[in-house]
Amino acid sequence: MSLGHEKDRFASRLASIPGIQPMPSIGDWILLQVEAPAELARRVNRRMEPGVMSVPRNLQGAVRIHVGDPKANERLLQTLRDLVA
């Protein structure tokens, strides 16, 4: 599966989570518009591993995540569902 295909699939799944809005992104990263980005990133990184989610400088209300393999992406999706529910 190509990175582009996995990125599109992952972004579509992310968009199904209330309160998370994928934004146009470059490369193997996806920007997400969220409420309380620093808090969400802290909680995701604590539950998964440091650096999974980061808060970009000079961009209000957003976090960025790396597009990984489908298994890692599914784990991140489940973590986000748990934390924003």
C-alpha atoms as a PDB file:
ATOM      1  CA  MET A   1       0.000   0.000   0.000  1.00  0.00           C
ATOM      2  CA  SER A   2       1.410   3.388  -0.924  1.00  0.00           C
ATOM      3  CA  LEU A   3       1.952   6.135   1.643  1.00  0.00           C
ATOM      4  CA  GLY A   4      -0.486   8.382  -0.225  1.00  0.00           C
ATOM      5  CA  HIS A   5      -3.217   5.761  -0.066  1.00  0.00           C
ATOM      6  CA  GLU A   6      -2.612   5.076   3.638  1.00  0.00           C
ATOM      7  CA  LYS A   7      -2.502   8.821   4.390  1.00  0.00           C
ATOM      8  CA  ASP A   8      -5.874   9.333   2.657  1.00  0.00           C
ATOM      9  CA  ARG A   9      -7.392   6.333   4.472  1.00  0.00           C
ATOM     10  CA  PHE A  10      -6.004   7.484   7.826  1.00  0.00           C
ATOM     11  CA  ALA A  11      -7.190  11.099   7.331  1.00  0.00           C
ATOM     12  CA  SER A  12     -10.669   9.850   6.429  1.00  0.00           C
ATOM     13  CA  ARG A  13     -10.810   7.727   9.592  1.00  0.00           C
ATOM     14  CA  LEU A  14      -9.523  10.644  11.696  1.00  0.00           C
ATOM     15  CA  ALA A  15     -12.286  12.875  10.295  1.00  0.00           C
ATOM     16  CA  SER A  16     -14.869  10.452  11.720  1.00  0.00           C
ATOM     17  CA  ILE A  17     -13.794  11.324  15.280  1.00  0.00           C
ATOM     18  CA  PRO A  18     -15.850  14.222  16.699  1.00  0.00           C
ATOM     19  CA  GLY A  19     -13.699  17.254  17.483  1.00  0.00           C
ATOM     20  CA  ILE A  20     -10.888  16.294  15.095  1.00  0.00           C
ATOM     21  CA  GLN A  21     -10.611  17.937  11.691  1.00  0.00           C
ATOM     22  CA  PRO A  22      -7.773  16.907   9.343  1.00  0.00           C
ATOM     23  CA  MET A  23      -6.255  19.839   7.453  1.00  0.00           C
ATOM     24  CA  PRO A  24      -4.276  19.924   4.183  1.00  0.00           C
ATOM     25  CA  SER A  25      -0.850  18.492   5.018  1.00  0.00           C
ATOM     26  CA  ILE A  26       2.476  17.803   3.337  1.00  0.00           C
ATOM     27  CA  GLY A  27       4.554  14.619   3.276  1.00  0.00           C
ATOM     28  CA  ASP A  28       3.958  11.875   5.794  1.00  0.00           C
ATOM     29  CA  TRP A  29       2.412  14.152   8.430  1.00  0.00           C
ATOM     30  CA  ILE A  30      -1.226  15.096   8.999  1.00  0.00           C
ATOM     31  CA  LEU A  31      -2.249  18.345  10.661  1.00  0.00           C
ATOM     32  CA  LEU A  32      -5.345  18.094  12.828  1.00  0.00           C
ATOM     33  CA  GLN A  33      -7.464  20.994  14.020  1.00  0.00           C
ATOM     34  CA  VAL A  34      -8.402  20.220  17.631  1.00  0.00           C
ATOM     35  CA  GLU A  35      -9.419  21.910  20.850  1.00  0.00           C
ATOM     36  CA  ALA A  36      -6.730  22.115  23.553  1.00  0.00           C
ATOM     37  CA  PRO A  37      -3.856  20.875  21.343  1.00  0.00           C
ATOM     38  CA  ALA A  38      -1.174  20.919  24.061  1.00  0.00           C
ATOM     39  CA  GLU A  39      -3.367  18.890  26.420  1.00  0.00           C
ATOM     40  CA  LEU A  40      -4.315  16.372  23.728  1.00  0.00           C
ATOM     41  CA  ALA A  41      -0.683  15.944  22.609  1.00  0.00           C
ATOM     42  CA  ARG A  42       0.438  15.434  26.212  1.00  0.00           C
ATOM     43  CA  ARG A  43      -2.209  12.764  26.804  1.00  0.00           C
ATOM     44  CA  VAL A  44      -1.582  10.941  23.494  1.00  0.00           C
ATOM     45  CA  ASN A  45       2.192  10.945  24.001  1.00  0.00           C
ATOM     46  CA  ARG A  46       1.801   9.676  27.558  1.00  0.00           C
ATOM     47  CA  ARG A  47      -0.463   6.828  26.462  1.00  0.00           C
ATOM     48  CA  MET A  48       1.502   5.837  23.344  1.00  0.00           C
ATOM     49  CA  GLU A  49       5.097   7.122  23.194  1.00  0.00           C
ATOM     50  CA  PRO A  50       6.747  10.564  23.265  1.00  0.00           C
ATOM     51  CA  GLY A  51       6.658  12.370  19.952  1.00  0.00           C
ATOM     52  CA  VAL A  52       3.687  10.547  18.412  1.00  0.00           C
ATOM     53  CA  MET A  53       1.810  13.863  18.420  1.00  0.00           C
ATOM     54  CA  SER A  54       3.372  17.313  18.388  1.00  0.00           C
ATOM     55  CA  VAL A  55       2.098  20.879  18.561  1.00  0.00           C
ATOM     56  CA  PRO A  56       3.458  22.962  15.665  1.00  0.00           C
ATOM     57  CA  ARG A  57       4.690  26.434  16.501  1.00  0.00           C
ATOM     58  CA  ASN A  58       2.895  29.436  14.992  1.00  0.00           C
ATOM     59  CA  LEU A  59      -0.282  27.462  14.300  1.00  0.00           C
ATOM     60  CA  GLN A  60      -3.167  27.883  16.738  1.00  0.00           C
ATOM     61  CA  GLY A  61      -5.480  24.979  17.561  1.00  0.00           C
ATOM     62  CA  ALA A  62      -3.571  22.246  15.770  1.00  0.00           C
ATOM     63  CA  VAL A  63      -1.464  19.150  16.347  1.00  0.00           C
ATOM     64  CA  ARG A  64       0.452  17.023  13.882  1.00  0.00           C
ATOM     65  CA  ILE A  65       0.851  13.290  13.672  1.00  0.00           C
ATOM     66  CA  HIS A  66       3.030  11.053  11.556  1.00  0.00           C
ATOM     67  CA  VAL A  67       1.434   8.631   9.099  1.00  0.00           C
ATOM     68  CA  GLY A  68       2.754   5.209  10.038  1.00  0.00           C
ATOM     69  CA  ASP A  69       1.877   1.707   8.948  1.00  0.00           C
ATOM     70  CA  PRO A  70      -1.814   0.723   9.086  1.00  0.00           C
ATOM     71  CA  LYS A  71      -1.414  -1.134  12.414  1.00  0.00           C
ATOM     72  CA  ALA A  72       0.240   1.863  14.137  1.00  0.00           C
ATOM     73  CA  ASN A  73      -2.348   4.220  12.641  1.00  0.00           C
ATOM     74  CA  GLU A  74      -5.209   2.079  13.977  1.00  0.00           C
ATOM     75  CA  ARG A  75      -3.643   2.153  17.451  1.00  0.00           C
ATOM     76  CA  LEU A  76      -3.449   5.951  17.276  1.00  0.00           C
ATOM     77  CA  LEU A  77      -7.054   6.184  16.037  1.00  0.00           C
ATOM     78  CA  GLN A  78      -8.266   4.101  18.995  1.00  0.00           C
ATOM     79  CA  THR A  79      -6.242   6.209  21.433  1.00  0.00           C
ATOM     80  CA  LEU A  80      -7.740   9.414  20.002  1.00  0.00           C
ATOM     81  CA  ARG A  81     -11.265   7.989  20.174  1.00  0.00           C
ATOM     82  CA  ASP A  82     -10.707   7.079  23.831  1.00  0.00           C
ATOM     83  CA  LEU A  83      -9.267  10.486  24.743  1.00  0.00           C
ATOM     84  CA  VAL A  84     -11.703  12.787  22.944  1.00  0.00           C
ATOM     85  CA  ALA A  85     -14.867  10.805  23.774  1.00  0.00           C
END
